Protein backbone atom coordinates (compact mmCIF):
# COMPACT_ATOMS: atom_id res chain seq x y z
CA UNK A 1 -0.07 -0.32 -0.06
CA UNK A 2 2.71 1.84 1.30
CA UNK A 3 5.77 0.54 -0.56
CA UNK A 4 3.42 1.66 -4.58
CA UNK A 5 4.47 5.72 -4.34
CA UNK A 6 7.61 7.35 -4.40
CA UNK A 7 9.40 8.71 -1.31
CA UNK A 8 9.46 12.51 -2.86
CA UNK A 9 7.73 15.79 -1.59
CA UNK A 10 5.19 17.66 -3.16
CA UNK A 11 4.44 21.68 -2.19
CA UNK A 12 0.63 21.25 -3.13
CA UNK A 13 0.52 18.45 -0.61
CA UNK A 14 -1.32 19.57 2.92
CA UNK A 15 -0.71 18.35 6.58
CA UNK A 16 -3.41 18.70 9.12
CA UNK A 17 -2.37 19.27 12.87
CA UNK A 18 -5.83 18.53 14.05
CA UNK A 19 -7.46 19.87 17.67
CA UNK A 20 -6.38 16.23 19.73
CA UNK A 21 -3.24 17.42 18.55
CA UNK A 22 -0.01 18.50 20.61
CA UNK A 23 3.34 19.29 19.51
CA UNK A 24 6.51 19.92 21.39
CA UNK A 25 8.80 21.03 19.66
CA UNK A 26 9.70 21.64 15.64
CA UNK A 27 7.92 21.35 13.66
CA UNK A 28 8.76 21.57 9.45
CA UNK A 29 7.07 20.95 6.86
CA UNK A 30 8.50 22.26 3.24
CA UNK A 31 4.04 22.38 1.63
CA UNK A 32 1.41 23.94 3.79
CA UNK A 33 0.10 23.02 8.14
CA UNK A 34 -3.56 23.61 9.23
CA UNK A 35 -3.25 23.86 11.79
CA UNK A 36 -6.55 23.16 14.64
CA UNK A 37 -4.36 21.53 17.64
CA UNK A 38 -1.99 22.77 19.84
CA UNK A 39 2.52 23.11 19.01
CA UNK A 40 5.32 24.62 21.08
CA UNK A 41 8.23 25.45 19.46
CA UNK A 42 8.89 26.83 16.63
CA UNK A 43 7.19 26.46 12.58
CA UNK A 44 9.10 26.18 10.23
CA UNK A 45 6.80 25.95 6.40
CA UNK A 46 6.02 27.42 3.03
CA UNK A 47 1.93 28.09 4.06
CA UNK A 48 0.45 27.83 7.48
CA UNK A 49 -3.57 28.67 8.32
CA UNK A 50 -4.32 28.68 12.27
CA UNK A 51 -7.30 27.44 12.91
CA UNK A 52 -10.31 29.55 15.69
CA UNK A 53 -9.13 25.91 17.15
CA UNK A 54 -5.60 26.47 16.80
CA UNK A 55 -2.59 27.62 18.50
CA UNK A 56 1.55 28.09 18.50
CA UNK A 57 3.63 29.03 21.06
CA UNK A 58 7.18 29.33 19.22
CA UNK A 59 7.92 31.23 16.31
CA UNK A 60 7.17 31.09 12.63
CA UNK A 61 8.55 31.24 9.39
CA UNK A 62 6.71 30.95 6.02
CA UNK A 63 5.94 32.50 2.95
CA UNK A 64 2.16 32.86 3.90
CA UNK A 65 0.39 32.82 7.23
CA UNK A 66 -3.39 33.25 7.99
CA UNK A 67 -3.99 32.81 12.09
CA UNK A 68 -7.70 32.98 13.19
CA UNK A 69 -6.94 30.88 16.22
CA UNK A 70 -3.72 32.47 18.99
CA UNK A 71 0.13 32.62 18.05
CA UNK A 72 2.32 33.50 21.08
CA UNK A 73 5.88 34.55 19.41
CA UNK A 74 7.63 35.79 16.39
CA UNK A 75 6.43 36.32 12.88
CA UNK A 76 8.58 35.90 9.75
CA UNK A 77 6.48 35.83 6.57
CA UNK A 78 6.15 37.77 2.99
CA UNK A 79 2.14 37.48 3.21
CA UNK A 80 0.33 37.80 7.38
CA UNK A 81 -3.41 37.90 7.22
CA UNK A 82 -4.86 37.92 10.46
CA UNK A 83 -8.61 36.90 10.27
CA UNK A 84 -11.46 38.19 12.59
CA UNK A 85 -10.72 35.93 15.38
CA UNK A 86 -7.00 35.77 15.28
CA UNK A 87 -5.04 36.52 18.90
CA UNK A 88 -0.49 37.58 18.25
CA UNK A 89 0.82 37.80 21.28
CA UNK A 90 4.25 39.21 19.66
CA UNK A 91 6.32 40.89 16.46
CA UNK A 92 5.54 40.98 13.37
CA UNK A 93 8.11 40.86 10.19
CA UNK A 94 6.40 40.89 6.41
CA UNK A 95 7.57 42.31 3.02
CA UNK A 96 4.29 41.63 0.91
CA UNK A 97 1.60 42.00 2.70
CA UNK A 98 -0.24 42.57 5.77
CA UNK A 99 -3.81 42.08 6.27
CA UNK A 100 -6.65 42.74 9.77
CA UNK A 101 -9.76 42.15 9.26
CA UNK A 102 -12.30 43.83 11.95
CA UNK A 103 -11.39 42.36 15.32
CA UNK A 104 -8.24 41.12 15.38
CA UNK A 105 -6.21 41.15 18.15
CA UNK A 106 -1.77 42.22 17.98
CA UNK A 107 -0.17 42.64 20.53
CA UNK A 108 3.74 43.14 19.25
CA UNK A 109 5.55 45.31 16.56
CA UNK A 110 4.72 45.38 12.46
CA UNK A 111 8.26 45.88 10.77
CA UNK A 112 7.78 45.54 6.31
CA UNK A 113 11.44 44.43 5.27
CA UNK A 114 12.44 44.73 1.78
CA UNK A 115 12.65 40.99 1.89
CA UNK A 116 12.07 38.17 4.65
CA UNK A 117 13.93 34.86 3.92
CA UNK A 118 12.65 32.38 1.48
CA UNK A 119 11.02 29.48 2.50
CA UNK A 120 12.26 26.92 0.17
CA UNK A 121 12.62 22.69 0.40
CA UNK A 122 16.72 22.88 1.86
CA UNK A 123 15.43 24.88 4.84
CA UNK A 124 14.87 21.12 5.47
CA UNK A 125 18.72 20.31 5.61
CA UNK A 126 20.13 23.30 6.11
CA UNK A 127 20.72 22.05 9.99
CA UNK A 128 24.47 21.54 10.71
CA UNK A 129 25.31 17.77 11.43
CA UNK A 130 26.23 18.06 14.93
CA UNK A 131 23.05 19.48 15.50
CA UNK A 132 20.97 16.71 13.71
CA UNK A 133 23.59 14.07 15.42
CA UNK A 134 21.81 15.54 19.01
CA UNK A 135 18.46 15.68 17.80
CA UNK A 136 19.05 13.09 16.21
CA UNK A 137 20.41 10.56 19.39
CA UNK A 138 18.29 13.46 21.59
CA UNK A 139 21.54 13.88 23.47
CA UNK A 140 20.86 16.24 26.63
CA UNK A 141 22.71 19.49 25.48
CA UNK A 142 24.92 21.87 27.87
CA UNK A 143 22.33 22.36 30.45
CA UNK A 144 21.38 18.52 31.28
CA UNK A 145 17.99 18.85 28.91
CA UNK A 146 17.45 16.35 27.12
CA UNK A 147 16.27 17.88 23.71
CA UNK A 148 13.23 17.72 22.28
CA UNK A 149 12.42 15.88 19.03
CA UNK A 150 12.32 17.31 15.96
CA UNK A 151 8.77 16.86 13.36
CA UNK A 152 8.91 17.27 9.76
CA UNK A 153 5.33 17.06 7.75
């Protein structure tokens, strides 16, 4: 069933983190993510949609982000849309467009820049080898804490 398909990542695929899912760690995706659950940690994706029930506690980096839920962290994107139910507690950095609907709640600085780091599929593989080795083996960092695993969707 699964063996017949090729292991190619395609940007057109969407992933869903449902209301019943909670992730504690880094989330990477080369496509789009719809978030209805909870993420504690940074999120890197081409496109992110935070549903009304969705929440992120951590920084977000994407080409496009649409917020109808909550985010507590810095946003870096080309295009940002904050819906009427969206709540942002953190700075917003964008390069193309920022749109807010009536009722959107923003607590932080907003800055338009010439360019925000482009998100490509290469970011999934951009970490240095030492960092990958520590994450793979879940070795403790210098403070004796166990590093959180990365989740790729």
